[in-house]
PDB file of N, CA and C in Angstrom:
ATOM      1  N   MET A   1      21.020 -18.706  24.262  1.00  0.00           N
ATOM      2  CA  MET A   1      20.903 -19.304  22.946  1.00  0.00           C
ATOM      3  C   MET A   1      22.289 -19.392  22.297  1.00  0.00           C
ATOM      4  N   LYS A   2      22.537 -20.500  21.653  1.00  0.00           N
ATOM      5  CA  LYS A   2      23.803 -20.691  20.964  1.00  0.00           C
ATOM      6  C   LYS A   2      23.844 -19.883  19.679  1.00  0.00           C
ATOM      7  N   THR A   3      25.042 -19.547  19.258  1.00  0.00           N
ATOM      8  CA  THR A   3      25.219 -18.907  17.961  1.00  0.00           C
ATOM      9  C   THR A   3      25.445 -20.011  16.942  1.00  0.00           C
ATOM     10  N   THR A   4      24.583 -20.107  15.956  1.00  0.00           N
ATOM     11  CA  THR A   4      24.657 -21.135  14.936  1.00  0.00           C
ATOM     12  C   THR A   4      24.650 -20.467  13.580  1.00  0.00           C
ATOM     13  N   ALA A   5      25.473 -20.980  12.677  1.00  0.00           N
ATOM     14  CA  ALA A   5      25.512 -20.426  11.328  1.00  0.00           C
ATOM     15  C   ALA A   5      24.218 -20.763  10.608  1.00  0.00           C
ATOM     16  N   ILE A   6      23.520 -19.746  10.171  1.00  0.00           N
ATOM     17  CA  ILE A   6      22.287 -19.905   9.412  1.00  0.00           C
ATOM     18  C   ILE A   6      22.594 -19.612   7.950  1.00  0.00           C
ATOM     19  N   ASP A   7      22.041 -20.417   7.046  1.00  0.00           N
ATOM     20  CA  ASP A   7      22.277 -20.223   5.623  1.00  0.00           C
ATOM     21  C   ASP A   7      21.185 -19.324   5.035  1.00  0.00           C
ATOM     22  N   PHE A   8      21.497 -18.036   4.930  1.00  0.00           N
ATOM     23  CA  PHE A   8      20.554 -17.070   4.362  1.00  0.00           C
ATOM     24  C   PHE A   8      20.672 -16.980   2.842  1.00  0.00           C
ATOM     25  N   GLY A   9      21.578 -17.742   2.237  1.00  0.00           N
ATOM     26  CA  GLY A   9      21.852 -17.602   0.812  1.00  0.00           C
ATOM     27  C   GLY A   9      20.922 -18.336  -0.129  1.00  0.00           C
ATOM     28  N   LYS A  10      20.179 -19.318   0.337  1.00  0.00           N
ATOM     29  CA  LYS A  10      19.400 -20.167  -0.561  1.00  0.00           C
ATOM     30  C   LYS A  10      18.136 -19.510  -1.116  1.00  0.00           C
ATOM     31  N   SER A  11      17.517 -18.646  -0.368  1.00  0.00           N
ATOM     32  CA  SER A  11      16.223 -18.087  -0.777  1.00  0.00           C
ATOM     33  C   SER A  11      16.242 -16.572  -0.814  1.00  0.00           C
ATOM     34  N   GLY A  12      17.258 -16.031  -1.424  1.00  0.00           N
ATOM     35  CA  GLY A  12      17.333 -14.585  -1.573  1.00  0.00           C
ATOM     36  C   GLY A  12      17.512 -13.834  -0.272  1.00  0.00           C
ATOM     37  N   GLY A  13      18.151 -14.460   0.696  1.00  0.00           N
ATOM     38  CA  GLY A  13      18.425 -13.794   1.957  1.00  0.00           C
ATOM     39  C   GLY A  13      17.358 -13.966   3.016  1.00  0.00           C
ATOM     40  N   LEU A  14      16.307 -14.733   2.728  1.00  0.00           N
ATOM     41  CA  LEU A  14      15.241 -14.965   3.694  1.00  0.00           C
ATOM     42  C   LEU A  14      15.167 -16.437   4.078  1.00  0.00           C
ATOM     43  N   ILE A  15      14.818 -16.672   5.343  1.00  0.00           N
ATOM     44  CA  ILE A  15      14.587 -18.035   5.795  1.00  0.00           C
ATOM     45  C   ILE A  15      13.204 -18.107   6.435  1.00  0.00           C
ATOM     46  N   PRO A  16      12.512 -19.241   6.281  1.00  0.00           N
ATOM     47  CA  PRO A  16      11.235 -19.400   6.969  1.00  0.00           C
ATOM     48  C   PRO A  16      11.461 -19.622   8.462  1.00  0.00           C
ATOM     49  N   ALA A  17      10.593 -19.024   9.259  1.00  0.00           N
ATOM     50  CA  ALA A  17      10.637 -19.192  10.707  1.00  0.00           C
ATOM     51  C   ALA A  17       9.267 -19.695  11.156  1.00  0.00           C
ATOM     52  N   ILE A  18       9.219 -20.926  11.600  1.00  0.00           N
ATOM     53  CA  ILE A  18       7.998 -21.534  12.103  1.00  0.00           C
ATOM     54  C   ILE A  18       7.895 -21.191  13.581  1.00  0.00           C
ATOM     55  N   ILE A  19       6.771 -20.610  13.963  1.00  0.00           N
ATOM     56  CA  ILE A  19       6.580 -20.172  15.339  1.00  0.00           C
ATOM     57  C   ILE A  19       5.649 -21.159  16.036  1.00  0.00           C
ATOM     58  N   GLN A  20       6.133 -21.710  17.158  1.00  0.00           N
ATOM     59  CA  GLN A  20       5.406 -22.741  17.885  1.00  0.00           C
ATOM     60  C   GLN A  20       5.265 -22.345  19.352  1.00  0.00           C
ATOM     61  N   ASN A  21       4.064 -22.513  19.899  1.00  0.00           N
ATOM     62  CA  ASN A  21       3.860 -22.293  21.327  1.00  0.00           C
ATOM     63  C   ASN A  21       4.679 -23.333  22.069  1.00  0.00           C
ATOM     64  N   ARG A  22       5.622 -22.880  22.855  1.00  0.00           N
ATOM     65  CA  ARG A  22       6.551 -23.793  23.525  1.00  0.00           C
ATOM     66  C   ARG A  22       5.834 -24.704  24.526  1.00  0.00           C
ATOM     67  N   GLN A  23       4.785 -24.203  25.142  1.00  0.00           N
ATOM     68  CA  GLN A  23       4.086 -24.994  26.149  1.00  0.00           C
ATOM     69  C   GLN A  23       3.145 -26.022  25.527  1.00  0.00           C
ATOM     70  N   THR A  24       2.319 -25.601  24.556  1.00  0.00           N
ATOM     71  CA  THR A  24       1.314 -26.498  23.982  1.00  0.00           C
ATOM     72  C   THR A  24       1.801 -27.229  22.740  1.00  0.00           C
ATOM     73  N   ARG A  25       2.887 -26.743  22.127  1.00  0.00           N
ATOM     74  CA  ARG A  25       3.453 -27.270  20.877  1.00  0.00           C
ATOM     75  C   ARG A  25       2.613 -26.930  19.648  1.00  0.00           C
ATOM     76  N   GLU A  26       1.577 -26.095  19.801  1.00  0.00           N
ATOM     77  CA  GLU A  26       0.760 -25.694  18.665  1.00  0.00           C
ATOM     78  C   GLU A  26       1.563 -24.772  17.748  1.00  0.00           C
ATOM     79  N   VAL A  27       1.483 -25.016  16.436  1.00  0.00           N
ATOM     80  CA  VAL A  27       2.111 -24.124  15.469  1.00  0.00           C
ATOM     81  C   VAL A  27       1.242 -22.883  15.365  1.00  0.00           C
ATOM     82  N   LEU A  28       1.845 -21.717  15.584  1.00  0.00           N
ATOM     83  CA  LEU A  28       1.108 -20.471  15.617  1.00  0.00           C
ATOM     84  C   LEU A  28       1.153 -19.707  14.301  1.00  0.00           C
ATOM     85  N   MET A  29       2.304 -19.693  13.651  1.00  0.00           N
ATOM     86  CA  MET A  29       2.422 -18.935  12.406  1.00  0.00           C
ATOM     87  C   MET A  29       3.725 -19.285  11.700  1.00  0.00           C
ATOM     88  N   LEU A  30       3.834 -18.776  10.491  1.00  0.00           N
ATOM     89  CA  LEU A  30       5.051 -18.864   9.692  1.00  0.00           C
ATOM     90  C   LEU A  30       5.388 -17.458   9.250  1.00  0.00           C
ATOM     91  N   GLY A  31       6.616 -17.065   9.439  1.00  0.00           N
ATOM     92  CA  GLY A  31       7.084 -15.773   8.967  1.00  0.00           C
ATOM     93  C   GLY A  31       8.446 -15.945   8.314  1.00  0.00           C
ATOM     94  N   PHE A  32       8.995 -14.859   7.813  1.00  0.00           N
ATOM     95  CA  PHE A  32      10.300 -14.911   7.165  1.00  0.00           C
ATOM     96  C   PHE A  32      11.259 -13.963   7.860  1.00  0.00           C
ATOM     97  N   MET A  33      12.490 -14.411   7.984  1.00  0.00           N
ATOM     98  CA  MET A  33      13.534 -13.608   8.612  1.00  0.00           C
ATOM     99  C   MET A  33      14.689 -13.420   7.653  1.00  0.00           C
ATOM    100  N   ASN A  34      15.224 -12.214   7.656  1.00  0.00           N
ATOM    101  CA  ASN A  34      16.521 -11.990   7.037  1.00  0.00           C
ATOM    102  C   ASN A  34      17.546 -11.969   8.181  1.00  0.00           C
ATOM    103  N   ARG A  35      18.782 -11.711   7.872  1.00  0.00           N
ATOM    104  CA  ARG A  35      19.821 -11.723   8.907  1.00  0.00           C
ATOM    105  C   ARG A  35      19.523 -10.700  10.013  1.00  0.00           C
ATOM    106  N   GLU A  36      19.046  -9.515   9.633  1.00  0.00           N
ATOM    107  CA  GLU A  36      18.755  -8.471  10.610  1.00  0.00           C
ATOM    108  C   GLU A  36      17.635  -8.898  11.569  1.00  0.00           C
ATOM    109  N   ALA A  37      16.578  -9.497  11.044  1.00  0.00           N
ATOM    110  CA  ALA A  37      15.478  -9.970  11.891  1.00  0.00           C
ATOM    111  C   ALA A  37      15.959 -11.062  12.844  1.00  0.00           C
ATOM    112  N   TYR A  38      16.789 -11.960  12.322  1.00  0.00           N
ATOM    113  CA  TYR A  38      17.354 -13.024  13.147  1.00  0.00           C
ATOM    114  C   TYR A  38      18.200 -12.447  14.282  1.00  0.00           C
ATOM    115  N   GLU A  39      19.061 -11.502  13.959  1.00  0.00           N
ATOM    116  CA  GLU A  39      19.922 -10.897  14.973  1.00  0.00           C
ATOM    117  C   GLU A  39      19.114 -10.124  16.016  1.00  0.00           C
ATOM    118  N   GLN A  40      18.094  -9.379  15.580  1.00  0.00           N
ATOM    119  CA  GLN A  40      17.234  -8.645  16.516  1.00  0.00           C
ATOM    120  C   GLN A  40      16.482  -9.610  17.433  1.00  0.00           C
ATOM    121  N   THR A  41      16.042 -10.714  16.885  1.00  0.00           N
ATOM    122  CA  THR A  41      15.345 -11.726  17.672  1.00  0.00           C
ATOM    123  C   THR A  41      16.276 -12.298  18.737  1.00  0.00           C
ATOM    124  N   LYS A  42      17.492 -12.637  18.344  1.00  0.00           N
ATOM    125  CA  LYS A  42      18.460 -13.168  19.312  1.00  0.00           C
ATOM    126  C   LYS A  42      18.807 -12.130  20.376  1.00  0.00           C
ATOM    127  N   GLU A  43      18.989 -10.891  19.949  1.00  0.00           N
ATOM    128  CA  GLU A  43      19.419  -9.826  20.857  1.00  0.00           C
ATOM    129  C   GLU A  43      18.339  -9.426  21.860  1.00  0.00           C
ATOM    130  N   THR A  44      17.089  -9.347  21.409  1.00  0.00           N
ATOM    131  CA  THR A  44      16.019  -8.832  22.272  1.00  0.00           C
ATOM    132  C   THR A  44      15.231  -9.910  22.995  1.00  0.00           C
ATOM    133  N   GLY A  45      15.212 -11.126  22.445  1.00  0.00           N
ATOM    134  CA  GLY A  45      14.402 -12.186  23.028  1.00  0.00           C
ATOM    135  C   GLY A  45      12.950 -12.141  22.593  1.00  0.00           C
ATOM    136  N   PHE A  46      12.637 -11.277  21.606  1.00  0.00           N
ATOM    137  CA  PHE A  46      11.300 -11.212  21.025  1.00  0.00           C
ATOM    138  C   PHE A  46      11.415 -11.405  19.522  1.00  0.00           C
ATOM    139  N   VAL A  47      10.374 -11.991  18.907  1.00  0.00           N
ATOM    140  CA  VAL A  47      10.439 -12.360  17.496  1.00  0.00           C
ATOM    141  C   VAL A  47      10.291 -11.134  16.592  1.00  0.00           C
ATOM    142  N   TYR A  48      11.224 -11.026  15.648  1.00  0.00           N
ATOM    143  CA  TYR A  48      11.201 -10.029  14.575  1.00  0.00           C
ATOM    144  C   TYR A  48      11.126 -10.773  13.253  1.00  0.00           C
ATOM    145  N   PHE A  49      10.485 -10.157  12.279  1.00  0.00           N
ATOM    146  CA  PHE A  49      10.388 -10.723  10.943  1.00  0.00           C
ATOM    147  C   PHE A  49      10.792  -9.678   9.909  1.00  0.00           C
ATOM    148  N   TRP A  50      10.994 -10.159   8.681  1.00  0.00           N
ATOM    149  CA  TRP A  50      11.161  -9.274   7.546  1.00  0.00           C
ATOM    150  C   TRP A  50       9.860  -9.318   6.755  1.00  0.00           C
ATOM    151  N   SER A  51       9.227  -8.173   6.581  1.00  0.00           N
ATOM    152  CA  SER A  51       7.993  -8.096   5.814  1.00  0.00           C
ATOM    153  C   SER A  51       8.328  -8.071   4.329  1.00  0.00           C
ATOM    154  N   ARG A  52       7.872  -9.074   3.612  1.00  0.00           N
ATOM    155  CA  ARG A  52       8.112  -9.142   2.174  1.00  0.00           C
ATOM    156  C   ARG A  52       7.250  -8.148   1.419  1.00  0.00           C
ATOM    157  N   THR A  53       6.104  -7.785   1.957  1.00  0.00           N
ATOM    158  CA  THR A  53       5.227  -6.835   1.269  1.00  0.00           C
ATOM    159  C   THR A  53       5.610  -5.389   1.540  1.00  0.00           C
ATOM    160  N   ARG A  54       6.028  -5.108   2.769  1.00  0.00           N
ATOM    161  CA  ARG A  54       6.412  -3.733   3.114  1.00  0.00           C
ATOM    162  C   ARG A  54       7.914  -3.501   2.968  1.00  0.00           C
ATOM    163  N   ASN A  55       8.651  -4.602   2.786  1.00  0.00           N
ATOM    164  CA  ASN A  55      10.099  -4.524   2.621  1.00  0.00           C
ATOM    165  C   ASN A  55      10.771  -3.839   3.824  1.00  0.00           C
ATOM    166  N   THR A  56      10.394  -4.291   5.016  1.00  0.00           N
ATOM    167  CA  THR A  56      10.925  -3.685   6.234  1.00  0.00           C
ATOM    168  C   THR A  56      10.952  -4.684   7.387  1.00  0.00           C
ATOM    169  N   LEU A  57      11.783  -4.404   8.349  1.00  0.00           N
ATOM    170  CA  LEU A  57      11.871  -5.197   9.573  1.00  0.00           C
ATOM    171  C   LEU A  57      10.689  -4.840  10.471  1.00  0.00           C
ATOM    172  N   TRP A  58      10.106  -5.835  11.153  1.00  0.00           N
ATOM    173  CA  TRP A  58       9.032  -5.542  12.105  1.00  0.00           C
ATOM    174  C   TRP A  58       9.053  -6.519  13.272  1.00  0.00           C
ATOM    175  N   LYS A  59       8.721  -5.996  14.427  1.00  0.00           N
ATOM    176  CA  LYS A  59       8.614  -6.813  15.634  1.00  0.00           C
ATOM    177  C   LYS A  59       7.184  -7.311  15.738  1.00  0.00           C
ATOM    178  N   LYS A  60       7.005  -8.614  15.898  1.00  0.00           N
ATOM    179  CA  LYS A  60       5.667  -9.174  16.056  1.00  0.00           C
ATOM    180  C   LYS A  60       5.038  -8.573  17.308  1.00  0.00           C
ATOM    181  N   GLY A  61       3.877  -7.950  17.135  1.00  0.00           N
ATOM    182  CA  GLY A  61       3.162  -7.347  18.247  1.00  0.00           C
ATOM    183  C   GLY A  61       3.490  -5.892  18.498  1.00  0.00           C
ATOM    184  N   GLU A  62       4.273  -5.268  17.613  1.00  0.00           N
ATOM    185  CA  GLU A  62       4.674  -3.878  17.849  1.00  0.00           C
ATOM    186  C   GLU A  62       3.492  -2.922  17.876  1.00  0.00           C
ATOM    187  N   THR A  63       2.419  -3.234  17.172  1.00  0.00           N
ATOM    188  CA  THR A  63       1.238  -2.372  17.237  1.00  0.00           C
ATOM    189  C   THR A  63       0.112  -2.992  18.069  1.00  0.00           C
ATOM    190  N   SER A  64      -0.019  -4.316  18.030  1.00  0.00           N
ATOM    191  CA  SER A  64      -1.108  -4.989  18.746  1.00  0.00           C
ATOM    192  C   SER A  64      -0.787  -5.280  20.209  1.00  0.00           C
ATOM    193  N   GLY A  65       0.501  -5.370  20.518  1.00  0.00           N
ATOM    194  CA  GLY A  65       0.896  -5.782  21.861  1.00  0.00           C
ATOM    195  C   GLY A  65       0.973  -7.294  22.009  1.00  0.00           C
ATOM    196  N   ASN A  66       0.594  -8.035  20.971  1.00  0.00           N
ATOM    197  CA  ASN A  66       0.618  -9.501  21.002  1.00  0.00           C
ATOM    198  C   ASN A  66       2.000 -10.016  20.597  1.00  0.00           C
ATOM    199  N   THR A  67       2.932  -9.888  21.508  1.00  0.00           N
ATOM    200  CA  THR A  67       4.323 -10.241  21.234  1.00  0.00           C
ATOM    201  C   THR A  67       4.570 -11.735  21.393  1.00  0.00           C
ATOM    202  N   LEU A  68       5.718 -12.151  20.901  1.00  0.00           N
ATOM    203  CA  LEU A  68       6.166 -13.538  21.006  1.00  0.00           C
ATOM    204  C   LEU A  68       7.532 -13.544  21.681  1.00  0.00           C
ATOM    205  N   ARG A  69       7.579 -14.007  22.931  1.00  0.00           N
ATOM    206  CA  ARG A  69       8.846 -14.079  23.663  1.00  0.00           C
ATOM    207  C   ARG A  69       9.527 -15.398  23.349  1.00  0.00           C
ATOM    208  N   VAL A  70      10.776 -15.317  22.932  1.00  0.00           N
ATOM    209  CA  VAL A  70      11.529 -16.492  22.499  1.00  0.00           C
ATOM    210  C   VAL A  70      11.956 -17.328  23.701  1.00  0.00           C
ATOM    211  N   ILE A  71      11.644 -18.625  23.619  1.00  0.00           N
ATOM    212  CA  ILE A  71      12.081 -19.593  24.617  1.00  0.00           C
ATOM    213  C   ILE A  71      13.205 -20.452  24.039  1.00  0.00           C
ATOM    214  N   SER A  72      13.083 -20.810  22.765  1.00  0.00           N
ATOM    215  CA  SER A  72      14.105 -21.641  22.114  1.00  0.00           C
ATOM    216  C   SER A  72      14.138 -21.346  20.624  1.00  0.00           C
ATOM    217  N   MET A  73      15.289 -21.617  20.013  1.00  0.00           N
ATOM    218  CA  MET A  73      15.441 -21.499  18.557  1.00  0.00           C
ATOM    219  C   MET A  73      16.253 -22.694  18.074  1.00  0.00           C
ATOM    220  N   ARG A  74      15.753 -23.343  17.016  1.00  0.00           N
ATOM    221  CA  ARG A  74      16.455 -24.473  16.419  1.00  0.00           C
ATOM    222  C   ARG A  74      16.470 -24.327  14.908  1.00  0.00           C
ATOM    223  N   THR A  75      17.552 -24.783  14.301  1.00  0.00           N
ATOM    224  CA  THR A  75      17.609 -24.834  12.845  1.00  0.00           C
ATOM    225  C   THR A  75      17.167 -26.209  12.381  1.00  0.00           C
ATOM    226  N   ASP A  76      16.819 -26.294  11.111  1.00  0.00           N
ATOM    227  CA  ASP A  76      16.602 -27.606  10.523  1.00  0.00           C
ATOM    228  C   ASP A  76      17.960 -28.169  10.116  1.00  0.00           C
ATOM    229  N   CYS A  77      17.953 -29.361   9.548  1.00  0.00           N
ATOM    230  CA  CYS A  77      19.210 -30.039   9.214  1.00  0.00           C
ATOM    231  C   CYS A  77      20.044 -29.295   8.178  1.00  0.00           C
ATOM    232  N   ASP A  78      19.404 -28.511   7.307  1.00  0.00           N
ATOM    233  CA  ASP A  78      20.122 -27.760   6.283  1.00  0.00           C
ATOM    234  C   ASP A  78      20.503 -26.350   6.726  1.00  0.00           C
ATOM    235  N   ARG A  79      20.106 -25.967   7.912  1.00  0.00           N
ATOM    236  CA  ARG A  79      20.372 -24.645   8.489  1.00  0.00           C
ATOM    237  C   ARG A  79      19.790 -23.512   7.641  1.00  0.00           C
ATOM    238  N   ASP A  80      18.614 -23.789   7.021  1.00  0.00           N
ATOM    239  CA  ASP A  80      17.975 -22.743   6.221  1.00  0.00           C
ATOM    240  C   ASP A  80      16.513 -22.527   6.606  1.00  0.00           C
ATOM    241  N   ALA A  81      16.153 -22.975   7.798  1.00  0.00           N
ATOM    242  CA  ALA A  81      14.824 -22.733   8.363  1.00  0.00           C
ATOM    243  C   ALA A  81      14.959 -22.780   9.879  1.00  0.00           C
ATOM    244  N   LEU A  82      14.050 -22.083  10.554  1.00  0.00           N
ATOM    245  CA  LEU A  82      14.069 -22.041  12.017  1.00  0.00           C
ATOM    246  C   LEU A  82      12.755 -22.536  12.597  1.00  0.00           C
ATOM    247  N   LEU A  83      12.849 -23.180  13.740  1.00  0.00           N
ATOM    248  CA  LEU A  83      11.698 -23.500  14.572  1.00  0.00           C
ATOM    249  C   LEU A  83      11.911 -22.719  15.858  1.00  0.00           C
ATOM    250  N   ILE A  84      10.997 -21.781  16.125  1.00  0.00           N
ATOM    251  CA  ILE A  84      11.150 -20.905  17.287  1.00  0.00           C
ATOM    252  C   ILE A  84      10.043 -21.213  18.276  1.00  0.00           C
ATOM    253  N   GLY A  85      10.440 -21.681  19.449  1.00  0.00           N
ATOM    254  CA  GLY A  85       9.503 -21.927  20.532  1.00  0.00           C
ATOM    255  C   GLY A  85       9.280 -20.629  21.287  1.00  0.00           C
ATOM    256  N   VAL A  86       8.019 -20.256  21.474  1.00  0.00           N
ATOM    257  CA  VAL A  86       7.712 -18.960  22.063  1.00  0.00           C
ATOM    258  C   VAL A  86       6.706 -19.072  23.203  1.00  0.00           C
ATOM    259  N   GLU A  87       6.658 -18.009  23.958  1.00  0.00           N
ATOM    260  CA  GLU A  87       5.579 -17.771  24.909  1.00  0.00           C
ATOM    261  C   GLU A  87       4.794 -16.599  24.340  1.00  0.00           C
ATOM    262  N   PRO A  88       3.596 -16.867  23.805  1.00  0.00           N
ATOM    263  CA  PRO A  88       2.823 -15.783  23.205  1.00  0.00           C
ATOM    264  C   PRO A  88       2.159 -14.906  24.267  1.00  0.00           C
ATOM    265  N   ASN A  89       2.096 -13.626  23.983  1.00  0.00           N
ATOM    266  CA  ASN A  89       1.360 -12.683  24.815  1.00  0.00           C
ATOM    267  C   ASN A  89       0.127 -12.268  24.012  1.00  0.00           C
ATOM    268  N   GLY A  90      -0.967 -12.999  24.178  1.00  0.00           N
ATOM    269  CA  GLY A  90      -2.171 -12.740  23.399  1.00  0.00           C
ATOM    270  C   GLY A  90      -2.254 -13.634  22.187  1.00  0.00           C
ATOM    271  N   VAL A  91      -3.136 -13.263  21.265  1.00  0.00           N
ATOM    272  CA  VAL A  91      -3.329 -14.043  20.041  1.00  0.00           C
ATOM    273  C   VAL A  91      -2.165 -13.793  19.089  1.00  0.00           C
ATOM    274  N   THR A  92      -1.972 -14.697  18.168  1.00  0.00           N
ATOM    275  CA  THR A  92      -0.872 -14.562  17.222  1.00  0.00           C
ATOM    276  C   THR A  92      -1.327 -14.055  15.865  1.00  0.00           C
ATOM    277  N   CYS A  93      -2.461 -14.534  15.377  1.00  0.00           N
ATOM    278  CA  CYS A  93      -2.910 -14.188  14.027  1.00  0.00           C
ATOM    279  C   CYS A  93      -3.517 -12.790  13.963  1.00  0.00           C
ATOM    280  N   HIS A  94      -3.292 -12.115  12.851  1.00  0.00           N
ATOM    281  CA  HIS A  94      -3.857 -10.772  12.659  1.00  0.00           C
ATOM    282  C   HIS A  94      -5.381 -10.793  12.572  1.00  0.00           C
ATOM    283  N   THR A  95      -5.968 -11.998  12.409  1.00  0.00           N
ATOM    284  CA  THR A  95      -7.432 -12.118  12.358  1.00  0.00           C
ATOM    285  C   THR A  95      -8.041 -12.189  13.753  1.00  0.00           C
ATOM    286  N   GLY A  96      -7.183 -12.221  14.771  1.00  0.00           N
ATOM    287  CA  GLY A  96      -7.663 -12.316  16.144  1.00  0.00           C
ATOM    288  C   GLY A  96      -7.731 -13.728  16.682  1.00  0.00           C
ATOM    289  N   LYS A  97      -7.235 -14.683  15.913  1.00  0.00           N
ATOM    290  CA  LYS A  97      -7.241 -16.082  16.366  1.00  0.00           C
ATOM    291  C   LYS A  97      -5.911 -16.432  17.010  1.00  0.00           C
ATOM    292  N   ARG A  98      -5.943 -17.465  17.815  1.00  0.00           N
ATOM    293  CA  ARG A  98      -4.760 -17.917  18.543  1.00  0.00           C
ATOM    294  C   ARG A  98      -3.631 -18.314  17.583  1.00  0.00           C
ATOM    295  N   SER A  99      -3.990 -18.952  16.480  1.00  0.00           N
ATOM    296  CA  SER A  99      -3.028 -19.441  15.503  1.00  0.00           C
ATOM    297  C   SER A  99      -3.456 -19.025  14.104  1.00  0.00           C
ATOM    298  N   CYS A 100      -2.502 -18.855  13.228  1.00  0.00           N
ATOM    299  CA  CYS A 100      -2.807 -18.573  11.824  1.00  0.00           C
ATOM    300  C   CYS A 100      -3.271 -19.841  11.102  1.00  0.00           C
ATOM    301  N   PHE A 101      -3.046 -21.022  11.698  1.00  0.00           N
ATOM    302  CA  PHE A 101      -3.387 -22.285  11.070  1.00  0.00           C
ATOM    303  C   PHE A 101      -4.731 -22.805  11.586  1.00  0.00           C
ATOM    304  N   THR A 102      -5.772 -22.023  11.343  1.00  0.00           N
ATOM    305  CA  THR A 102      -7.116 -22.411  11.758  1.00  0.00           C
ATOM    306  C   THR A 102      -8.046 -22.572  10.561  1.00  0.00           C
ATOM    307  N   GLY A 103      -7.462 -22.576   9.373  1.00  0.00           N
ATOM    308  CA  GLY A 103      -8.269 -22.746   8.160  1.00  0.00           C
ATOM    309  C   GLY A 103      -8.772 -24.158   8.030  1.00  0.00           C
ATOM    310  N   GLU A 104      -9.570 -24.371   7.010  1.00  0.00           N
ATOM    311  CA  GLU A 104     -10.145 -25.692   6.813  1.00  0.00           C
ATOM    312  C   GLU A 104      -9.122 -26.648   6.218  1.00  0.00           C
ATOM    313  N   ASP A 105      -9.360 -27.937   6.438  1.00  0.00           N
ATOM    314  CA  ASP A 105      -8.495 -28.976   5.869  1.00  0.00           C
ATOM    315  C   ASP A 105      -8.632 -28.973   4.352  1.00  0.00           C
ATOM    316  N   LEU A 106      -7.540 -29.249   3.680  1.00  0.00           N
ATOM    317  CA  LEU A 106      -7.550 -29.312   2.213  1.00  0.00           C
ATOM    318  C   LEU A 106      -7.627 -30.746   1.736  1.00  0.00           C
TER     319      LEU A 106
END
């Protein structure tokens, strides 16, 4: 993975990270990363997020085992959001569903 300057300054140090199944292209979830989560993700090859409610770094799947292995990472044009292509190990949503985006249409 290339090292790209990410702009963490626009939203209080957090950037949205859209998680997409690299094989099927299905959007699995949205999480937020601070610089530490981004660096841990790059270093380990597994997705880390910053929990806004617990105010702590966490690895996706650290308790469930449903990890997200990074295949690709891209920034948007403003370098303040990420699209992360992953290989999921199990379901992604905490509700037990494959994707967090299984709600009804609005």
